[in-house]
Amino acid sequence: MSDSAGAEGGRSEAAPNINTRVLFDNPTQTVATENTPEDQVSPAVDEASPSSTSSFEMVDTESVPAPYQEVQPHWFFCRRANDNTSWLPFSREDSDKLERACHAVGDLEDDVVIAVEGERYDVHVKERKRYAVYWEQGPTEVRRCTWFYKGDKDTRFMPYPEDVSKMLEDAYMIAVTLDEWKSKLEFPNGESVILHNPKLIMQYRPIGLQDEWASSPSEQGRPRTVKRGVNNISVEIPDGEPEKVDHLVFMVHGIGPACDLRFRSIIQCVNDFRSASLSLLASHYKRAQQDGEVGRVEFLPVNWHSALHGDATGVDEDIQRITLPSISRLRHFTNDTLLDLFFYNSPTYCQTIVDTVASEINTLHTLFKQRHSEFNGAVSVVGHSLGSLILFDLLTNQRTGSEAREGLPSGEHLHLNCDTLQQTLTRLGLQQYLDTLQAENLDMESLALCQDGDLKDLGIPLGPRKKILNYVRRKWLSQDLKTGAVHLPEGLQAPPPLNSDHDGNQSSGFPMQQSQFHRAQSVTSAVDYEYFDVGIGQVSIDYPQLAFHPQTFFAFGSPIGMFLTVRGLKHIDPNYTFPTCKSFYNIYHPYDPVAYRLEPMLVTEVDLEPMLIPHHKGRKRMHLGVCDEAESSVSAEQTEQPEIKVGMLNGGRRIDYVLQEKPIESFNEYLFAIQSHLCYWESEDTALLLLKEIYDKLGVAIEQSHQ
């Protein structure tokens, strides 16, 4: 009854490996008193139970059992990671919603879908499956749990399958009603559960059965503890999240598929960051939460690595053919992670990356607003490592509504000279795709409205797609330049018109349909730092437009400063700002080998120390606070000096913010260097800085934290 539980499909580890629906048609047949004849009891159980039950019976000090009360269920979901299966409880609020829905479903043919965990997951109640909403993830099993078990070496109780739990509950009800204990439930595989008394219920397995959960013969006869109801087991049931979302944040990962030293995905790391922010809101904005001024901040992961390394580009296969066979693990790590830096410097794959990031952000934004129609808050973006550089280049190439509308007069259709579709494809040497495009009734005008994803869905490979889209854009632009319809700064190309939605956010003038979740294509030149001393950046990249204006851009462990420098930029004009984003924070750990500062590129005449990020408990770390007295006179001098304005990237405020290293990290900088680059996902200090910036703009001040 033990190992069948961990199998894929979700049966619990201790569940009987049998069809429990045909077991014990009459519940009374499952109950046997301690006077059961010897020939009806499994010999293996008899050998295991005498030595165990004799000591157990001494624990029973209650002679009068309480009247039977139906067990209160709690809903759990299954999580599998690294070949380990664990069952985690939903919050009480979500569990209650699922229980009500379960009773409401009844014999209905249609399933009922309940949004849980901040509406990031949907539970199909009849199917007993939990589906992720905002990212790709296989469905996980859900259970209505009433009975649990735990072995000597288990760290937590595991739930029985629902059919087994019902059998146990029926037997328990009979035992309580008749006050007949020492009853036994037997299973065809030889395992059994004995109800010694209301507080002592054990699961046994025969000694003769070999099984993985028993590593030695002496352990095979050891019983497992069985508990009824979630209140009788030690499990931490999470608090429910506030329904109101005050702010939405998209988080873009850096190189590689893993985001921390435990090789966790961006989804798992963002989950931790979200949990930390919820905890900090409860501690640092407690009064505001109680007064209803504060809800929560939603953090959503943006995954671009899988699109770059998937079958669509074929780059992994190409790289593998030229990879040497020696030191295979190290080379695989290099191909999967470090090569992302080189891919971003390639025009071909850089286009794929920026397209994917913008497409994913716009998709998530649209989906979020569909599920949270009442949301009227602002949106911010976070980039870690290379992800911050991707966002920096995207935000540099955004256009405001007025600038975009200068590109084309209102209502004017896109048009390409008199070339036909056949002539265009012939000119590009792509005649073989003529039938494919004509089968979709595409002409040159409709082709101009196509996105990369549209052509990809038609089965056209990456190379031909890029040729077609690049030709169409260039022909469109040259035609508009001839007619004088485009007013451009030097070196810039015009994006398509933007319309404002009811929130004032900017979106593409083209219809925003489900199939266009990919991106609203803009036509821009390479990175153009309009106010910079040198116009530099990626070559031949058409930067897409985001469907909203970000409020703040947070960069974690960012190499932006280094990349700008090697692109040839020595100085950033202090008047420069992102066209659509007015706040920017460069956050880094002092030992992060990938992080670089930005303020020295803005203020060259003054040597500014970065801003020290406060500890989330409102103090300096112990090893940093011993010099406070010696520094007090210096800090007093500094406060008298006029505040230095550090450019306009952050509205004149400071940009570089440094975390305080932990005491153990200060002993060896090199030992913790890699860890420092990956520390931001679990950093409460970082999370609190984001919350403070977000809620300061909402007029909600942080409360004094406890020392």
Foldseek 3Di string as FASTA:
>chain_A
DACVQLDPVHAHRHEDPDDLVPPCPPLVVQWDFPPPDPVVADPLLVVLPPVPVVVVLVVDPDPADDADDDFQWFKWWWDDDPSDIDIATFAPVQRVVLVVLLVVCPVPPDWDWDQGDLSQWIARNVVQWIGGDQDDDDIIGMARFWKWKADPPDPFTDGGHPSVVVSVSSNVNVCNVVVGAQIKGADPQAKIWGGRDPQFIKIAHGLPDDDDVQPDSVRRGGIMTMDGHPVPTDHDRDHGAFNDAAEEEEEEEAFFQAQAPVRDGQQVLLVLLQVLLRVLCCFWVVVCVVVVNDGGYHYDYQDQLCQLPDPQACVVVVVVVVDDPPPPVVVVVCSRGVCVVVLCQDQLSVQSRLLSRQLSQQLSVVSVCVVVVVDLHFYAYEYAAVRLVSVVLLLLPAADQVQQCLAAPPPDAQDFPPDWPCNVCVVVVNNVCPVLCVVVVDILRVLQQDDLLVVVVSVDGSVVSVVSNVVSVVRSQVVCVVVVSHDDDPQWTHFHHWDADPSRFTDHPDDDDPSCSSARWTAIAARQQPQFPDGFGHHPHGRTYHRGQHAEYEYELYQNVVVCVVRPGQARELAGERNRYFAAAYEFEPLAPSHDDDLCRQDVPDDDDFAEQAASQGHAAPVVCPCCVVCVVVVVVVVVDDDAQRGRHHDRDGHYYYYHDHPVCVVDSVVCHSNRSSVLSNGSSNSVVVVQVSVVVVVRHTHNHHD
